C-alpha cells in the first residue's frame, strides 16, 4: 500500500534535497581519513549502493498496479508549479537539457538552493540545483502551463508520486482518485523507476566527490560552493544577485 506524504516539493524527506545518506555525509565532520569510520563515507556508499540495486530490481508492473489503485489525472491546476514553498531540484543533466531547449545559460535556468552551511573561510556550501523562480516564488517556466513540458525534470514528470526506500509515497494533489488508464499508470511507473535509479546514481557520485569542511559563521566575504554529482562549483556572489542578502540579511548594511 502506498504511503501518504506532504506536498512533495523537492528531492527527499530530511531537507528537501537529497538522499538521507548524502545529508549525513554533508552534515558531519568527516575528514579525508574517516571514510571507514562508522557512519562515514564508506558506510553511506554501501547504503546507497544497496538501494540502487533495489531500485534497478523494482517491478514496474507491480508499481503500476499500486499507482492504478490510487488513480491520478493531472487537472492542470498549476499548484505544484507555484508558491513560495516551491523548490524543484534538477540534476545537472536535466539543467543542460533545459538550456539546450531554451537557449538560456546555466544560471538563467537554475540556482543554488538556500539551504546549506558555512565554512570557516566564509563560503556557503549547498547541494545540487533548483529551477529559477519568479519574484513571486513561482517556477519561472510556468505561465498558463509548462513552457518546458517535454524537457521538465523527472521530479515534475512523476508528481505526485515518489519512491522512498522502495515504497510508493503519494503527495497531496487534487488529481488523486481520478480515473486512470492502465497504460498511463505503466508509463508513470517507468518514469518513477527511472527517477529512483537516477537519484541513487547521482547521490553515489555526489558522495564520492564530496569533501567536508570545518563549519564557521555566515560571512559576506566568501563565495557560494555548490556540490553535485559532477563535483564542486564555485560561484562568486555577483553571479547570484540577491542571494547573499537573503542568506545574510542582518549584515546587509554593515
Foldseek 3Di string as FASTA:
>chain_A
DAAADAQLQAEDDDPRYADVLLVQAQPDFDAPPCQPPVSHLVVSLVVLVVLLVVLVPFDLLVQLVVQQVFAFDDPLPCPSQDDQPHWYFAAPVLLVLVCVVPVDDSVQFWDFDLDFFAFAVQETEGEGITGDADPRRGRPQDDSHGVCVVSDGLVVVQPPWAADSRHIYGYDDPRIPHRDDSVVSSVSSVSRSVVSSVSSLWSSLQSVQDGYHHGDDHDLPAFYWYGTSVHIDTGHCVSVPPSSCVNCVVPPVD
